[in-house]
Amino acid sequence: MHSKAIFHPIDLENWPRKPYFEYYHNNLKSKYTVSIKIDITTLFHKYKDSNYKFFPIFLYVIIRAINNSESFRTVIYNGQLGQWSFMQPSFTIFHKDDCSFSDLWSEYHEDFQEFYNIIIQDINTYKDKKGIKIRENQPANLIPISCVPWINFESISQDTIQDSNFLQPIIRFGKYYTEGNKVKISLSIYVNHAIADGYHTSMFLQDIQNLCDNVENWMTP
């Protein structure tokens, strides 16, 4: 059975990040985007030897790395700053008939096989439903993740005109490609500086690389 996410309020007065959060949330409202190439060679070979689809595999890598990071589980929920015990993926699916997309959310499971099965099931259930948001009862602990499978991008930059209390990162990845004897994939993360500095973002990206390199530790045969 899927466990329920728990929201843990942060005691702002005793939170070590308080001065940084307040500065970048209230004074210099800063956000930044980092785009890099992830070496997925080991992951790719494991994928090609399996019967799995690539998208749920890489989606698992991203959301597991998110859940390993306290910074990227930090949100404002019902007016309260805090951290979720885990985040869940909100991802896009593409409709080939009219070239539109829809946002779909799914439950997070740390076990890869459980996660994979639920993603495939949800995609099959909602693949023909149109609209921006196609699944009801959207939970609060979501991370937006989408794929741009048509391009191998060098960088993606994005922002919103209206200021908000949205602290979660937004993640994009492109199509995988070969470079010499390596297989790589473009990945971009849009970060609210109030909850994460360059160090925290770099640790998240390194975690993604480690999960790709050590796929034998979590992907079943």
Protein backbone atom coordinates (compact mmCIF):
# COMPACT_ATOMS: atom_id res chain seq x y z
CA MET A 1 0.00 0.00 0.00
CA HIS A 2 1.23 3.47 -0.84
CA SER A 3 2.23 5.47 2.23
CA LYS A 4 0.81 8.93 2.82
CA ALA A 5 3.11 11.92 2.50
CA ILE A 6 3.64 13.82 5.74
CA PHE A 7 4.21 17.58 5.86
CA HIS A 8 6.74 18.66 8.50
CA PRO A 9 6.52 22.40 9.34
CA ILE A 10 9.86 24.20 9.65
CA ASP A 11 10.61 26.21 12.79
CA LEU A 12 11.82 29.25 10.88
CA GLU A 13 13.41 30.92 13.90
CA ASN A 14 15.70 27.93 14.45
CA TRP A 15 16.21 26.97 10.81
CA PRO A 16 19.86 27.43 9.77
CA ARG A 17 18.78 28.54 6.29
CA LYS A 18 16.48 31.29 7.61
CA PRO A 19 18.61 34.33 6.53
CA TYR A 20 19.15 32.89 3.04
CA PHE A 21 15.50 31.93 2.63
CA GLU A 22 14.27 35.35 3.73
CA TYR A 23 16.78 37.20 1.56
CA TYR A 24 16.00 35.30 -1.64
CA HIS A 25 12.28 34.97 -0.94
CA ASN A 26 11.55 38.50 0.25
CA ASN A 27 14.37 40.81 -0.87
CA LEU A 28 16.22 39.61 -3.96
CA LYS A 29 13.66 37.20 -5.38
CA SER A 30 16.05 35.03 -7.30
CA LYS A 31 15.60 31.89 -9.38
CA TYR A 32 18.11 30.15 -11.62
CA THR A 33 18.35 27.38 -14.19
CA VAL A 34 21.14 24.83 -14.56
CA SER A 35 21.40 22.65 -17.69
CA ILE A 36 23.86 19.78 -17.95
CA LYS A 37 24.49 16.55 -19.84
CA ILE A 38 24.01 13.35 -17.82
CA ASP A 39 26.08 10.30 -18.81
CA ILE A 40 23.50 7.51 -18.99
CA THR A 41 25.71 4.91 -20.69
CA THR A 42 25.40 2.27 -17.96
CA LEU A 43 21.70 2.97 -17.48
CA PHE A 44 21.10 2.86 -21.23
CA HIS A 45 22.72 -0.57 -21.67
CA LYS A 46 20.68 -1.95 -18.79
CA TYR A 47 17.53 -0.46 -20.33
CA LYS A 48 18.29 -1.97 -23.77
CA ASP A 49 18.72 -5.41 -22.18
CA SER A 50 15.32 -5.15 -20.49
CA ASN A 51 11.69 -4.96 -21.55
CA TYR A 52 11.22 -1.59 -19.84
CA LYS A 53 10.37 1.73 -21.47
CA PHE A 54 12.92 4.49 -21.07
CA PHE A 55 10.67 7.32 -19.89
CA PRO A 56 9.51 5.67 -16.61
CA ILE A 57 13.09 4.60 -15.89
CA PHE A 58 14.52 8.10 -16.12
CA LEU A 59 11.47 9.56 -14.37
CA TYR A 60 12.27 7.24 -11.45
CA VAL A 61 15.90 8.42 -11.39
CA ILE A 62 14.82 12.06 -11.19
CA ILE A 63 12.12 11.70 -8.54
CA ARG A 64 14.26 9.42 -6.39
CA ALA A 65 17.07 12.00 -6.45
CA ILE A 66 14.52 14.69 -5.56
CA ASN A 67 13.41 12.66 -2.57
CA ASN A 68 17.02 12.27 -1.43
CA SER A 69 17.21 16.07 -1.16
CA GLU A 70 15.74 18.00 1.77
CA SER A 71 16.07 21.23 -0.20
CA PHE A 72 13.85 20.07 -3.04
CA ARG A 73 11.19 18.77 -0.67
CA THR A 74 10.86 22.25 0.88
CA VAL A 75 7.59 24.02 0.03
CA ILE A 76 5.03 26.49 1.32
CA TYR A 77 1.85 24.53 2.05
CA ASN A 78 -1.26 26.23 3.38
CA GLY A 79 0.84 29.28 4.19
CA GLN A 80 3.36 27.26 6.21
CA LEU A 81 6.99 26.64 5.23
CA GLY A 82 7.94 23.01 5.62
CA GLN A 83 9.17 19.81 4.03
CA TRP A 84 7.26 16.85 2.66
CA SER A 85 8.42 13.38 3.62
CA PHE A 86 8.49 12.61 -0.10
CA MET A 87 7.50 14.21 -3.40
CA GLN A 88 5.53 12.71 -6.29
CA PRO A 89 5.96 13.23 -10.04
CA SER A 90 3.74 15.43 -12.17
CA PHE A 91 4.72 14.73 -15.76
CA THR A 92 3.52 15.48 -19.26
CA ILE A 93 2.18 13.07 -21.84
CA PHE A 94 2.03 13.93 -25.55
CA HIS A 95 -0.99 13.41 -27.81
CA LYS A 96 0.27 12.67 -31.30
CA ASP A 97 -3.09 13.21 -33.01
CA ASP A 98 -3.26 16.94 -32.26
CA CYS A 99 0.28 17.59 -30.89
CA SER A 100 -1.08 18.72 -27.53
CA PHE A 101 0.08 17.67 -24.07
CA SER A 102 -1.50 16.91 -20.72
CA ASP A 103 -0.21 16.94 -17.16
CA LEU A 104 -0.57 13.67 -15.29
CA TRP A 105 0.49 12.86 -11.73
CA SER A 106 1.35 9.48 -10.27
CA GLU A 107 2.19 7.99 -6.90
CA TYR A 108 5.83 7.68 -5.87
CA HIS A 109 7.20 4.32 -4.79
CA GLU A 110 10.84 3.93 -3.78
CA ASP A 111 10.82 0.40 -5.14
CA PHE A 112 11.55 0.71 -8.85
CA GLN A 113 9.28 -2.11 -10.02
CA GLU A 114 6.30 -0.72 -8.12
CA PHE A 115 6.99 2.75 -9.46
CA TYR A 116 7.39 1.52 -13.02
CA ASN A 117 4.17 -0.46 -12.93
CA ILE A 118 2.10 2.45 -11.59
CA ILE A 119 3.53 4.88 -14.18
CA ILE A 120 2.73 2.52 -17.05
CA GLN A 121 -0.74 1.89 -15.64
CA ASP A 122 -1.49 5.59 -15.24
CA ILE A 123 -0.24 6.47 -18.73
CA ASN A 124 -2.42 3.75 -20.25
CA THR A 125 -5.42 4.91 -18.23
CA TYR A 126 -5.14 8.61 -19.11
CA LYS A 127 -3.35 8.62 -22.49
CA ASP A 128 -6.49 9.45 -24.47
CA LYS A 129 -7.83 12.09 -22.10
CA LYS A 130 -7.27 15.68 -23.26
CA GLY A 131 -6.73 18.85 -21.25
CA ILE A 132 -3.97 20.47 -19.25
CA LYS A 133 -4.77 18.64 -15.99
CA ILE A 134 -6.27 15.23 -16.65
CA ARG A 135 -6.22 13.48 -13.27
CA GLU A 136 -8.31 14.71 -10.38
CA ASN A 137 -7.38 14.93 -6.69
CA GLN A 138 -3.94 16.32 -7.41
CA PRO A 139 -1.85 16.16 -4.22
CA ALA A 140 0.22 19.07 -2.94
CA ASN A 141 3.56 17.25 -2.89
CA LEU A 142 4.26 17.32 -6.63
CA ILE A 143 7.38 18.02 -8.68
CA PRO A 144 6.85 19.10 -12.33
CA ILE A 145 8.91 16.94 -14.69
CA SER A 146 8.61 16.87 -18.45
CA CYS A 147 10.45 15.51 -21.46
CA VAL A 148 11.29 17.30 -24.71
CA PRO A 149 12.11 14.13 -26.69
CA TRP A 150 12.55 15.87 -30.05
CA ILE A 151 15.71 17.83 -29.25
CA ASN A 152 19.08 17.48 -27.58
CA PHE A 153 19.10 20.92 -26.00
CA GLU A 154 22.08 22.86 -24.70
CA SER A 155 20.02 24.93 -22.28
CA ILE A 156 16.43 25.69 -21.31
CA SER A 157 15.49 28.83 -19.40
CA GLN A 158 12.09 29.61 -18.00
CA ASP A 159 10.34 31.93 -15.59
CA THR A 160 6.89 33.11 -14.60
CA ILE A 161 5.70 36.70 -14.84
CA GLN A 162 3.59 36.55 -11.70
CA ASP A 163 5.37 36.13 -8.38
CA SER A 164 4.19 33.19 -6.28
CA ASN A 165 5.11 31.02 -3.31
CA PHE A 166 5.97 28.09 -5.59
CA LEU A 167 9.32 26.77 -4.30
CA GLN A 168 9.56 23.40 -6.04
CA PRO A 169 12.08 22.87 -8.82
CA ILE A 170 10.88 22.35 -12.39
CA ILE A 171 12.76 19.72 -14.38
CA ARG A 172 13.06 19.13 -18.12
CA PHE A 173 15.02 16.50 -20.02
CA GLY A 174 15.59 15.96 -23.73
CA LYS A 175 16.30 13.02 -26.00
CA TYR A 176 19.27 10.79 -25.37
CA TYR A 177 22.09 10.76 -27.90
CA THR A 178 25.51 9.20 -28.48
CA GLU A 179 28.79 11.05 -28.10
CA GLY A 180 31.74 8.83 -28.92
CA ASN A 181 31.23 5.67 -26.88
CA LYS A 182 28.96 7.42 -24.36
CA VAL A 183 25.20 7.85 -24.24
CA LYS A 184 24.09 11.17 -22.78
CA ILE A 185 20.91 13.09 -22.07
CA SER A 186 20.22 16.79 -21.56
CA LEU A 187 18.67 17.77 -18.23
CA SER A 188 17.64 21.19 -16.95
CA ILE A 189 16.50 22.18 -13.46
CA TYR A 190 14.82 25.48 -12.59
CA VAL A 191 15.45 26.34 -8.93
CA ASN A 192 14.08 28.85 -6.47
CA HIS A 193 17.20 30.26 -4.79
CA ALA A 194 15.28 30.64 -1.52
CA ILE A 195 15.45 26.89 -0.91
CA ALA A 196 18.62 25.81 -2.74
CA ASP A 197 22.04 27.23 -3.55
CA GLY A 198 24.39 26.00 -6.24
CA TYR A 199 25.79 23.42 -3.82
CA HIS A 200 22.41 21.79 -3.18
CA THR A 201 21.62 21.73 -6.89
CA SER A 202 24.99 20.22 -7.74
CA MET A 203 24.48 17.49 -5.11
CA PHE A 204 21.10 16.67 -6.66
CA LEU A 205 22.64 16.44 -10.15
CA GLN A 206 25.46 14.26 -8.82
CA ASP A 207 22.88 11.99 -7.22
CA ILE A 208 21.19 11.58 -10.60
CA GLN A 209 24.55 10.64 -12.12
CA ASN A 210 25.22 8.14 -9.31
CA LEU A 211 21.82 6.50 -9.79
CA CYS A 212 22.53 6.17 -13.52
CA ASP A 213 25.97 4.72 -12.86
CA ASN A 214 24.75 2.25 -10.24
CA VAL A 215 21.58 1.06 -11.94
CA GLU A 216 22.29 -2.54 -10.90
CA ASN A 217 21.54 -1.54 -7.29
CA TRP A 218 17.92 -0.66 -7.96
CA MET A 219 16.66 -1.90 -11.33
CA THR A 220 15.39 -5.46 -11.32
CA PRO A 221 16.52 -7.72 -14.17
